[in-house]
Amino acid sequence: MATYECSRCGQHGQAASTGLGPKVFAVECARDEAEEHAMPKMKTDTGAKARFKRTGSGKLMRRHAFASHLLEKKSAKRLRRLRRESELAPGDARRARRQLAGR
């Protein structure tokens, strides 16, 4: 087996060789030059994806707090109000838009 190293990206690998003994040689990998210098992709934050929904007009909606447990002591009126989604505050919406990365 001969080892090789890409002269551009430095990745290592093995290739079959016909000669005797170890050989090391430089090869070019299949990476595109444009791909090599591209900016990294924006990743969606999966926690934000689960917590926020975008409306048709572009607003971000969120769930209310205090609506998941210890519900017996809370009044029916309060629970009805907590079931509705509300709009995310402007300061939080800016951070959430970045976390959602174009969703």
PDB file of N, CA and C in Angstrom:
ATOM      1  N   MET A   1       0.833  -1.187   0.000  1.00  0.00           N
ATOM      2  CA  MET A   1       0.000   0.000   0.000  1.00  0.00           C
ATOM      3  C   MET A   1       0.874   1.246   0.000  1.00  0.00           C
ATOM      4  N   ALA A   2       0.463   2.222  -0.751  1.00  0.00           N
ATOM      5  CA  ALA A   2       1.166   3.493  -0.774  1.00  0.00           C
ATOM      6  C   ALA A   2       0.300   4.533  -0.090  1.00  0.00           C
ATOM      7  N   THR A   3       0.907   5.424   0.641  1.00  0.00           N
ATOM      8  CA  THR A   3       0.162   6.496   1.286  1.00  0.00           C
ATOM      9  C   THR A   3       0.257   7.734   0.407  1.00  0.00           C
ATOM     10  N   TYR A   4      -0.762   8.567   0.514  1.00  0.00           N
ATOM     11  CA  TYR A   4      -0.734   9.813  -0.255  1.00  0.00           C
ATOM     12  C   TYR A   4      -1.260  10.948   0.609  1.00  0.00           C
ATOM     13  N   GLU A   5      -0.893  12.161   0.223  1.00  0.00           N
ATOM     14  CA  GLU A   5      -1.342  13.354   0.906  1.00  0.00           C
ATOM     15  C   GLU A   5      -1.728  14.376  -0.159  1.00  0.00           C
ATOM     16  N   CYS A   6      -2.893  14.943   0.002  1.00  0.00           N
ATOM     17  CA  CYS A   6      -3.352  15.957  -0.949  1.00  0.00           C
ATOM     18  C   CYS A   6      -2.520  17.219  -0.759  1.00  0.00           C
ATOM     19  N   SER A   7      -2.045  17.788  -1.847  1.00  0.00           N
ATOM     20  CA  SER A   7      -1.198  18.969  -1.745  1.00  0.00           C
ATOM     21  C   SER A   7      -1.995  20.217  -1.378  1.00  0.00           C
ATOM     22  N   ARG A   8      -3.343  20.201  -1.572  1.00  0.00           N
ATOM     23  CA  ARG A   8      -4.157  21.360  -1.250  1.00  0.00           C
ATOM     24  C   ARG A   8      -4.750  21.307   0.153  1.00  0.00           C
ATOM     25  N   CYS A   9      -5.424  20.186   0.491  1.00  0.00           N
ATOM     26  CA  CYS A   9      -6.136  20.137   1.766  1.00  0.00           C
ATOM     27  C   CYS A   9      -5.405  19.333   2.826  1.00  0.00           C
ATOM     28  N   GLY A  10      -4.383  18.573   2.462  1.00  0.00           N
ATOM     29  CA  GLY A  10      -3.588  17.845   3.438  1.00  0.00           C
ATOM     30  C   GLY A  10      -4.204  16.557   3.929  1.00  0.00           C
ATOM     31  N   GLN A  11      -5.290  16.080   3.305  1.00  0.00           N
ATOM     32  CA  GLN A  11      -5.902  14.824   3.734  1.00  0.00           C
ATOM     33  C   GLN A  11      -5.020  13.654   3.337  1.00  0.00           C
ATOM     34  N   HIS A  12      -5.022  12.622   4.182  1.00  0.00           N
ATOM     35  CA  HIS A  12      -4.216  11.434   3.949  1.00  0.00           C
ATOM     36  C   HIS A  12      -5.100  10.281   3.490  1.00  0.00           C
ATOM     37  N   GLY A  13      -4.515   9.323   2.818  1.00  0.00           N
ATOM     38  CA  GLY A  13      -5.251   8.134   2.402  1.00  0.00           C
ATOM     39  C   GLY A  13      -4.288   7.060   1.956  1.00  0.00           C
ATOM     40  N   GLN A  14      -4.830   5.969   1.456  1.00  0.00           N
ATOM     41  CA  GLN A  14      -3.994   4.876   0.970  1.00  0.00           C
ATOM     42  C   GLN A  14      -4.427   4.504  -0.433  1.00  0.00           C
ATOM     43  N   ALA A  15      -3.473   4.095  -1.224  1.00  0.00           N
ATOM     44  CA  ALA A  15      -3.750   3.647  -2.581  1.00  0.00           C
ATOM     45  C   ALA A  15      -2.908   2.412  -2.855  1.00  0.00           C
ATOM     46  N   ALA A  16      -3.419   1.542  -3.683  1.00  0.00           N
ATOM     47  CA  ALA A  16      -2.672   0.322  -4.028  1.00  0.00           C
ATOM     48  C   ALA A  16      -1.493   0.692  -4.924  1.00  0.00           C
ATOM     49  N   SER A  17      -0.352   0.102  -4.656  1.00  0.00           N
ATOM     50  CA  SER A  17       0.811   0.344  -5.511  1.00  0.00           C
ATOM     51  C   SER A  17       1.328  -0.995  -6.032  1.00  0.00           C
ATOM     52  N   THR A  18       1.963  -0.963  -7.177  1.00  0.00           N
ATOM     53  CA  THR A  18       2.485  -2.198  -7.767  1.00  0.00           C
ATOM     54  C   THR A  18       3.917  -2.465  -7.354  1.00  0.00           C
ATOM     55  N   GLY A  19       4.652  -1.418  -6.929  1.00  0.00           N
ATOM     56  CA  GLY A  19       6.068  -1.593  -6.587  1.00  0.00           C
ATOM     57  C   GLY A  19       6.244  -2.139  -5.180  1.00  0.00           C
ATOM     58  N   LEU A  20       7.466  -2.426  -4.832  1.00  0.00           N
ATOM     59  CA  LEU A  20       7.793  -2.935  -3.504  1.00  0.00           C
ATOM     60  C   LEU A  20       8.122  -1.782  -2.569  1.00  0.00           C
ATOM     61  N   GLY A  21       7.811  -1.931  -1.292  1.00  0.00           N
ATOM     62  CA  GLY A  21       8.156  -0.932  -0.297  1.00  0.00           C
ATOM     63  C   GLY A  21       7.150   0.213  -0.240  1.00  0.00           C
ATOM     64  N   PRO A  22       7.222   0.980   0.857  1.00  0.00           N
ATOM     65  CA  PRO A  22       6.281   2.093   1.010  1.00  0.00           C
ATOM     66  C   PRO A  22       6.636   3.245   0.077  1.00  0.00           C
ATOM     67  N   LYS A  23       5.611   3.877  -0.460  1.00  0.00           N
ATOM     68  CA  LYS A  23       5.809   5.033  -1.337  1.00  0.00           C
ATOM     69  C   LYS A  23       4.914   6.147  -0.834  1.00  0.00           C
ATOM     70  N   VAL A  24       5.384   7.369  -0.903  1.00  0.00           N
ATOM     71  CA  VAL A  24       4.596   8.538  -0.533  1.00  0.00           C
ATOM     72  C   VAL A  24       4.586   9.460  -1.734  1.00  0.00           C
ATOM     73  N   PHE A  25       3.401   9.884  -2.152  1.00  0.00           N
ATOM     74  CA  PHE A  25       3.333  10.787  -3.288  1.00  0.00           C
ATOM     75  C   PHE A  25       2.192  11.769  -3.105  1.00  0.00           C
ATOM     76  N   ALA A  26       2.295  12.929  -3.759  1.00  0.00           N
ATOM     77  CA  ALA A  26       1.294  13.977  -3.648  1.00  0.00           C
ATOM     78  C   ALA A  26       0.269  13.820  -4.760  1.00  0.00           C
ATOM     79  N   VAL A  27      -0.993  14.028  -4.401  1.00  0.00           N
ATOM     80  CA  VAL A  27      -2.081  13.984  -5.376  1.00  0.00           C
ATOM     81  C   VAL A  27      -3.004  15.167  -5.124  1.00  0.00           C
ATOM     82  N   GLU A  28      -3.835  15.471  -6.077  1.00  0.00           N
ATOM     83  CA  GLU A  28      -4.847  16.514  -5.925  1.00  0.00           C
ATOM     84  C   GLU A  28      -6.172  15.843  -5.594  1.00  0.00           C
ATOM     85  N   CYS A  29      -6.853  16.326  -4.575  1.00  0.00           N
ATOM     86  CA  CYS A  29      -8.147  15.737  -4.233  1.00  0.00           C
ATOM     87  C   CYS A  29      -9.221  16.315  -5.144  1.00  0.00           C
ATOM     88  N   ALA A  30     -10.413  15.792  -5.025  1.00  0.00           N
ATOM     89  CA  ALA A  30     -11.503  16.182  -5.917  1.00  0.00           C
ATOM     90  C   ALA A  30     -12.197  17.464  -5.467  1.00  0.00           C
ATOM     91  N   ARG A  31     -11.685  18.147  -4.458  1.00  0.00           N
ATOM     92  CA  ARG A  31     -12.314  19.378  -3.974  1.00  0.00           C
ATOM     93  C   ARG A  31     -12.217  20.483  -5.014  1.00  0.00           C
ATOM     94  N   ASP A  32     -13.247  21.240  -5.095  1.00  0.00           N
ATOM     95  CA  ASP A  32     -13.281  22.393  -5.989  1.00  0.00           C
ATOM     96  C   ASP A  32     -12.582  23.561  -5.298  1.00  0.00           C
ATOM     97  N   GLU A  33     -11.907  24.407  -6.035  1.00  0.00           N
ATOM     98  CA  GLU A  33     -11.257  25.568  -5.422  1.00  0.00           C
ATOM     99  C   GLU A  33     -12.289  26.504  -4.826  1.00  0.00           C
ATOM    100  N   ALA A  34     -13.430  26.683  -5.495  1.00  0.00           N
ATOM    101  CA  ALA A  34     -14.471  27.570  -4.977  1.00  0.00           C
ATOM    102  C   ALA A  34     -15.052  27.005  -3.690  1.00  0.00           C
ATOM    103  N   GLU A  35     -15.215  25.705  -3.625  1.00  0.00           N
ATOM    104  CA  GLU A  35     -15.761  25.059  -2.432  1.00  0.00           C
ATOM    105  C   GLU A  35     -14.800  25.212  -1.261  1.00  0.00           C
ATOM    106  N   GLU A  36     -13.527  25.194  -1.530  1.00  0.00           N
ATOM    107  CA  GLU A  36     -12.520  25.283  -0.488  1.00  0.00           C
ATOM    108  C   GLU A  36     -12.543  26.641   0.192  1.00  0.00           C
ATOM    109  N   HIS A  37     -12.872  27.711  -0.551  1.00  0.00           N
ATOM    110  CA  HIS A  37     -12.838  29.062  -0.006  1.00  0.00           C
ATOM    111  C   HIS A  37     -14.218  29.599   0.330  1.00  0.00           C
ATOM    112  N   ALA A  38     -15.250  28.766   0.279  1.00  0.00           N
ATOM    113  CA  ALA A  38     -16.604  29.223   0.572  1.00  0.00           C
ATOM    114  C   ALA A  38     -16.781  29.429   2.072  1.00  0.00           C
ATOM    115  N   MET A  39     -17.708  30.330   2.420  1.00  0.00           N
ATOM    116  CA  MET A  39     -18.020  30.560   3.826  1.00  0.00           C
ATOM    117  C   MET A  39     -18.726  29.324   4.383  1.00  0.00           C
ATOM    118  N   PRO A  40     -18.605  29.072   5.683  1.00  0.00           N
ATOM    119  CA  PRO A  40     -19.304  27.916   6.260  1.00  0.00           C
ATOM    120  C   PRO A  40     -20.815  28.120   6.212  1.00  0.00           C
ATOM    121  N   LYS A  41     -21.547  27.025   6.159  1.00  0.00           N
ATOM    122  CA  LYS A  41     -23.001  27.101   6.071  1.00  0.00           C
ATOM    123  C   LYS A  41     -23.584  27.581   7.392  1.00  0.00           C
ATOM    124  N   MET A  42     -24.709  28.303   7.305  1.00  0.00           N
ATOM    125  CA  MET A  42     -25.444  28.713   8.499  1.00  0.00           C
ATOM    126  C   MET A  42     -26.267  27.522   8.959  1.00  0.00           C
ATOM    127  N   LYS A  43     -26.073  27.084  10.188  1.00  0.00           N
ATOM    128  CA  LYS A  43     -26.802  25.941  10.719  1.00  0.00           C
ATOM    129  C   LYS A  43     -27.976  26.427  11.554  1.00  0.00           C
ATOM    130  N   THR A  44     -29.109  25.758  11.436  1.00  0.00           N
ATOM    131  CA  THR A  44     -30.285  26.078  12.229  1.00  0.00           C
ATOM    132  C   THR A  44     -30.103  25.513  13.630  1.00  0.00           C
ATOM    133  N   ASP A  45     -30.364  26.345  14.635  1.00  0.00           N
ATOM    134  CA  ASP A  45     -30.325  25.887  16.023  1.00  0.00           C
ATOM    135  C   ASP A  45     -31.571  25.040  16.258  1.00  0.00           C
ATOM    136  N   THR A  46     -31.407  23.754  16.569  1.00  0.00           N
ATOM    137  CA  THR A  46     -32.562  22.856  16.664  1.00  0.00           C
ATOM    138  C   THR A  46     -33.432  23.188  17.867  1.00  0.00           C
ATOM    139  N   GLY A  47     -32.860  23.777  18.919  1.00  0.00           N
ATOM    140  CA  GLY A  47     -33.673  24.201  20.057  1.00  0.00           C
ATOM    141  C   GLY A  47     -34.591  25.341  19.669  1.00  0.00           C
ATOM    142  N   ALA A  48     -34.067  26.288  18.891  1.00  0.00           N
ATOM    143  CA  ALA A  48     -34.886  27.413  18.432  1.00  0.00           C
ATOM    144  C   ALA A  48     -35.941  26.938  17.448  1.00  0.00           C
ATOM    145  N   LYS A  49     -35.592  25.960  16.628  1.00  0.00           N
ATOM    146  CA  LYS A  49     -36.544  25.416  15.653  1.00  0.00           C
ATOM    147  C   LYS A  49     -37.759  24.816  16.364  1.00  0.00           C
ATOM    148  N   ALA A  50     -37.526  24.198  17.515  1.00  0.00           N
ATOM    149  CA  ALA A  50     -38.613  23.575  18.263  1.00  0.00           C
ATOM    150  C   ALA A  50     -39.450  24.601  19.022  1.00  0.00           C
ATOM    151  N   ARG A  51     -38.859  25.732  19.396  1.00  0.00           N
ATOM    152  CA  ARG A  51     -39.534  26.686  20.273  1.00  0.00           C
ATOM    153  C   ARG A  51     -40.269  27.811  19.559  1.00  0.00           C
ATOM    154  N   PHE A  52     -39.820  28.200  18.370  1.00  0.00           N
ATOM    155  CA  PHE A  52     -40.391  29.365  17.707  1.00  0.00           C
ATOM    156  C   PHE A  52     -41.020  28.985  16.379  1.00  0.00           C
ATOM    157  N   LYS A  53     -42.097  29.713  16.015  1.00  0.00           N
ATOM    158  CA  LYS A  53     -42.728  29.523  14.714  1.00  0.00           C
ATOM    159  C   LYS A  53     -42.847  30.886  14.059  1.00  0.00           C
ATOM    160  N   ARG A  54     -42.619  30.918  12.758  1.00  0.00           N
ATOM    161  CA  ARG A  54     -42.729  32.169  12.005  1.00  0.00           C
ATOM    162  C   ARG A  54     -44.113  32.252  11.386  1.00  0.00           C
ATOM    163  N   THR A  55     -44.762  33.423  11.531  1.00  0.00           N
ATOM    164  CA  THR A  55     -46.084  33.615  10.938  1.00  0.00           C
ATOM    165  C   THR A  55     -45.929  33.975   9.465  1.00  0.00           C
ATOM    166  N   GLY A  56     -47.037  34.080   8.775  1.00  0.00           N
ATOM    167  CA  GLY A  56     -46.999  34.449   7.361  1.00  0.00           C
ATOM    168  C   GLY A  56     -46.436  35.836   7.142  1.00  0.00           C
ATOM    169  N   SER A  57     -46.633  36.739   8.111  1.00  0.00           N
ATOM    170  CA  SER A  57     -46.117  38.101   7.966  1.00  0.00           C
ATOM    171  C   SER A  57     -44.678  38.231   8.463  1.00  0.00           C
ATOM    172  N   GLY A  58     -44.104  37.146   9.002  1.00  0.00           N
ATOM    173  CA  GLY A  58     -42.709  37.163   9.395  1.00  0.00           C
ATOM    174  C   GLY A  58     -42.461  37.319  10.885  1.00  0.00           C
ATOM    175  N   LYS A  59     -43.525  37.495  11.690  1.00  0.00           N
ATOM    176  CA  LYS A  59     -43.337  37.607  13.136  1.00  0.00           C
ATOM    177  C   LYS A  59     -42.968  36.242  13.711  1.00  0.00           C
ATOM    178  N   LEU A  60     -42.263  36.255  14.839  1.00  0.00           N
ATOM    179  CA  LEU A  60     -41.913  35.012  15.520  1.00  0.00           C
ATOM    180  C   LEU A  60     -42.829  34.836  16.724  1.00  0.00           C
ATOM    181  N   MET A  61     -43.414  33.643  16.846  1.00  0.00           N
ATOM    182  CA  MET A  61     -44.330  33.352  17.940  1.00  0.00           C
ATOM    183  C   MET A  61     -43.678  32.364  18.893  1.00  0.00           C
ATOM    184  N   ARG A  62     -44.053  32.442  20.168  1.00  0.00           N
ATOM    185  CA  ARG A  62     -43.499  31.576  21.203  1.00  0.00           C
ATOM    186  C   ARG A  62     -44.607  31.085  22.119  1.00  0.00           C
ATOM    187  N   ARG A  63     -44.285  30.045  22.901  1.00  0.00           N
ATOM    188  CA  ARG A  63     -45.219  29.544  23.905  1.00  0.00           C
ATOM    189  C   ARG A  63     -45.080  30.356  25.183  1.00  0.00           C
ATOM    190  N   HIS A  64     -46.120  30.320  26.021  1.00  0.00           N
ATOM    191  CA  HIS A  64     -46.053  30.966  27.323  1.00  0.00           C
ATOM    192  C   HIS A  64     -45.374  30.070  28.331  1.00  0.00           C
ATOM    193  N   ALA A  65     -44.737  30.672  29.311  1.00  0.00           N
ATOM    194  CA  ALA A  65     -44.154  29.928  30.424  1.00  0.00           C
ATOM    195  C   ALA A  65     -45.246  29.591  31.436  1.00  0.00           C
ATOM    196  N   PHE A  66     -44.938  28.714  32.377  1.00  0.00           N
ATOM    197  CA  PHE A  66     -45.824  28.326  33.486  1.00  0.00           C
ATOM    198  C   PHE A  66     -47.062  27.577  33.035  1.00  0.00           C
ATOM    199  N   ALA A  67     -47.016  26.881  31.913  1.00  0.00           N
ATOM    200  CA  ALA A  67     -48.199  26.170  31.424  1.00  0.00           C
ATOM    201  C   ALA A  67     -47.959  24.678  31.269  1.00  0.00           C
ATOM    202  N   SER A  68     -46.899  24.133  31.882  1.00  0.00           N
ATOM    203  CA  SER A  68     -46.591  22.727  31.632  1.00  0.00           C
ATOM    204  C   SER A  68     -46.887  21.817  32.815  1.00  0.00           C
ATOM    205  N   HIS A  69     -46.819  22.319  34.036  1.00  0.00           N
ATOM    206  CA  HIS A  69     -47.118  21.452  35.191  1.00  0.00           C
ATOM    207  C   HIS A  69     -47.650  22.303  36.339  1.00  0.00           C
ATOM    208  N   LEU A  70     -48.097  21.649  37.404  1.00  0.00           N
ATOM    209  CA  LEU A  70     -48.750  22.313  38.550  1.00  0.00           C
ATOM    210  C   LEU A  70     -49.952  23.128  38.073  1.00  0.00           C
ATOM    211  N   LEU A  71     -50.782  22.501  37.241  1.00  0.00           N
ATOM    212  CA  LEU A  71     -51.880  23.223  36.613  1.00  0.00           C
ATOM    213  C   LEU A  71     -53.131  23.267  37.479  1.00  0.00           C
ATOM    214  N   GLU A  72     -53.243  22.396  38.496  1.00  0.00           N
ATOM    215  CA  GLU A  72     -54.469  22.329  39.301  1.00  0.00           C
ATOM    216  C   GLU A  72     -54.725  23.621  40.049  1.00  0.00           C
ATOM    217  N   LYS A  73     -53.672  24.289  40.500  1.00  0.00           N
ATOM    218  CA  LYS A  73     -53.842  25.504  41.291  1.00  0.00           C
ATOM    219  C   LYS A  73     -54.102  26.738  40.421  1.00  0.00           C
ATOM    220  N   LYS A  74     -53.905  26.622  39.120  1.00  0.00           N
ATOM    221  CA  LYS A  74     -54.091  27.771  38.225  1.00  0.00           C
ATOM    222  C   LYS A  74     -55.529  27.803  37.733  1.00  0.00           C
ATOM    223  N   SER A  75     -56.080  28.990  37.630  1.00  0.00           N
ATOM    224  CA  SER A  75     -57.480  29.116  37.233  1.00  0.00           C
ATOM    225  C   SER A  75     -57.663  28.762  35.759  1.00  0.00           C
ATOM    226  N   ALA A  76     -58.881  28.403  35.390  1.00  0.00           N
ATOM    227  CA  ALA A  76     -59.190  28.053  34.003  1.00  0.00           C
ATOM    228  C   ALA A  76     -58.954  29.242  33.084  1.00  0.00           C
ATOM    229  N   LYS A  77     -59.267  30.425  33.563  1.00  0.00           N
ATOM    230  CA  LYS A  77     -59.062  31.634  32.764  1.00  0.00           C
ATOM    231  C   LYS A  77     -57.561  31.829  32.471  1.00  0.00           C
ATOM    232  N   ARG A  78     -56.746  31.612  33.497  1.00  0.00           N
ATOM    233  CA  ARG A  78     -55.305  31.766  33.328  1.00  0.00           C
ATOM    234  C   ARG A  78     -54.754  30.715  32.366  1.00  0.00           C
ATOM    235  N   LEU A  79     -55.242  29.473  32.467  1.00  0.00           N
ATOM    236  CA  LEU A  79     -54.769  28.406  31.582  1.00  0.00           C
ATOM    237  C   LEU A  79     -55.172  28.657  30.131  1.00  0.00           C
ATOM    238  N   ARG A  80     -56.377  29.192  29.917  1.00  0.00           N
ATOM    239  CA  ARG A  80     -56.798  29.535  28.547  1.00  0.00           C
ATOM    240  C   ARG A  80     -55.879  30.596  27.959  1.00  0.00           C
ATOM    241  N   ARG A  81     -55.521  31.587  28.775  1.00  0.00           N
ATOM    242  CA  ARG A  81     -54.638  32.660  28.316  1.00  0.00           C
ATOM    243  C   ARG A  81     -53.238  32.114  28.012  1.00  0.00           C
ATOM    244  N   LEU A  82     -52.774  31.152  28.815  1.00  0.00           N
ATOM    245  CA  LEU A  82     -51.444  30.591  28.616  1.00  0.00           C
ATOM    246  C   LEU A  82     -51.369  29.673  27.402  1.00  0.00           C
ATOM    247  N   ARG A  83     -52.526  29.140  26.962  1.00  0.00           N
ATOM    248  CA  ARG A  83     -52.527  28.261  25.775  1.00  0.00           C
ATOM    249  C   ARG A  83     -52.218  29.018  24.501  1.00  0.00           C
ATOM    250  N   ARG A  84     -52.587  30.293  24.450  1.00  0.00           N
ATOM    251  CA  ARG A  84     -52.350  31.080  23.232  1.00  0.00           C
ATOM    252  C   ARG A  84     -50.855  31.368  23.076  1.00  0.00           C
ATOM    253  N   GLU A  85     -50.405  31.400  21.841  1.00  0.00           N
ATOM    254  CA  GLU A  85     -49.022  31.797  21.573  1.00  0.00           C
ATOM    255  C   GLU A  85     -48.941  33.317  21.586  1.00  0.00           C
ATOM    256  N   SER A  86     -47.764  33.842  21.917  1.00  0.00           N
ATOM    257  CA  SER A  86     -47.589  35.287  21.890  1.00  0.00           C
ATOM    258  C   SER A  86     -46.366  35.631  21.057  1.00  0.00           C
ATOM    259  N   GLU A  87     -46.302  36.893  20.671  1.00  0.00           N
ATOM    260  CA  GLU A  87     -45.201  37.340  19.815  1.00  0.00           C
ATOM    261  C   GLU A  87     -43.925  37.472  20.629  1.00  0.00           C
ATOM    262  N   LEU A  88     -42.818  37.117  20.032  1.00  0.00           N
ATOM    263  CA  LEU A  88     -41.518  37.213  20.677  1.00  0.00           C
ATOM    264  C   LEU A  88     -41.115  38.681  20.787  1.00  0.00           C
ATOM    265  N   ALA A  89     -40.499  39.061  21.903  1.00  0.00           N
ATOM    266  CA  ALA A  89     -40.055  40.444  22.106  1.00  0.00           C
ATOM    267  C   ALA A  89     -39.008  40.807  21.049  1.00  0.00           C
ATOM    268  N   PRO A  90     -38.947  42.078  20.642  1.00  0.00           N
ATOM    269  CA  PRO A  90     -38.033  42.483  19.563  1.00  0.00           C
ATOM    270  C   PRO A  90     -36.567  42.127  19.819  1.00  0.00           C
ATOM    271  N   GLY A  91     -36.095  42.299  21.048  1.00  0.00           N
ATOM    272  CA  GLY A  91     -34.706  41.971  21.363  1.00  0.00           C
ATOM    273  C   GLY A  91     -34.438  40.482  21.238  1.00  0.00           C
ATOM    274  N   ASP A  92     -35.408  39.668  21.671  1.00  0.00           N
ATOM    275  CA  ASP A  92     -35.249  38.227  21.566  1.00  0.00           C
ATOM    276  C   ASP A  92     -35.436  37.756  20.132  1.00  0.00           C
ATOM    277  N   ALA A  93     -36.288  38.449  19.377  1.00  0.00           N
ATOM    278  CA  ALA A  93     -36.570  38.055  17.994  1.00  0.00           C
ATOM    279  C   ALA A  93     -35.324  38.179  17.128  1.00  0.00           C
ATOM    280  N   ARG A  94     -34.507  39.182  17.396  1.00  0.00           N
ATOM    281  CA  ARG A  94     -33.279  39.365  16.608  1.00  0.00           C
ATOM    282  C   ARG A  94     -32.356  38.162  16.797  1.00  0.00           C
ATOM    283  N   ARG A  95     -32.207  37.709  18.050  1.00  0.00           N
ATOM    284  CA  ARG A  95     -31.357  36.548  18.322  1.00  0.00           C
ATOM    285  C   ARG A  95     -31.965  35.279  17.736  1.00  0.00           C
ATOM    286  N   ALA A  96     -33.285  35.131  17.844  1.00  0.00           N
ATOM    287  CA  ALA A  96     -33.957  33.927  17.347  1.00  0.00           C
ATOM    288  C   ALA A  96     -33.877  33.841  15.824  1.00  0.00           C
ATOM    289  N   ARG A  97     -33.960  34.980  15.131  1.00  0.00           N
ATOM    290  CA  ARG A  97     -33.835  34.963  13.658  1.00  0.00           C
ATOM    291  C   ARG A  97     -32.475  34.448  13.242  1.00  0.00           C
ATOM    292  N   ARG A  98     -31.440  34.841  13.968  1.00  0.00           N
ATOM    293  CA  ARG A  98     -30.088  34.356  13.670  1.00  0.00           C
ATOM    294  C   ARG A  98     -29.989  32.853  13.931  1.00  0.00           C
ATOM    295  N   GLN A  99     -30.611  32.391  15.006  1.00  0.00           N
ATOM    296  CA  GLN A  99     -30.568  30.965  15.334  1.00  0.00           C
ATOM    297  C   GLN A  99     -31.337  30.139  14.315  1.00  0.00           C
ATOM    298  N   LEU A 100     -32.404  30.714  13.747  1.00  0.00           N
ATOM    299  CA  LEU A 100     -33.201  29.982  12.769  1.00  0.00           C
ATOM    300  C   LEU A 100     -32.548  29.980  11.385  1.00  0.00           C
ATOM    301  N   ALA A 101     -31.600  30.853  11.149  1.00  0.00           N
ATOM    302  CA  ALA A 101     -30.781  30.855   9.935  1.00  0.00           C
ATOM    303  C   ALA A 101     -31.584  30.772   8.650  1.00  0.00           C
ATOM    304  N   GLY A 102     -32.528  31.677   8.485  1.00  0.00           N
ATOM    305  CA  GLY A 102     -33.251  31.765   7.219  1.00  0.00           C
ATOM    306  C   GLY A 102     -34.449  30.859   7.107  1.00  0.00           C
ATOM    307  N   ARG A 103     -34.887  30.253   8.173  1.00  0.00           N
ATOM    308  CA  ARG A 103     -36.089  29.395   8.107  1.00  0.00           C
ATOM    309  C   ARG A 103     -37.321  30.257   8.057  1.00  0.00           C
TER     310      ARG A 103
END
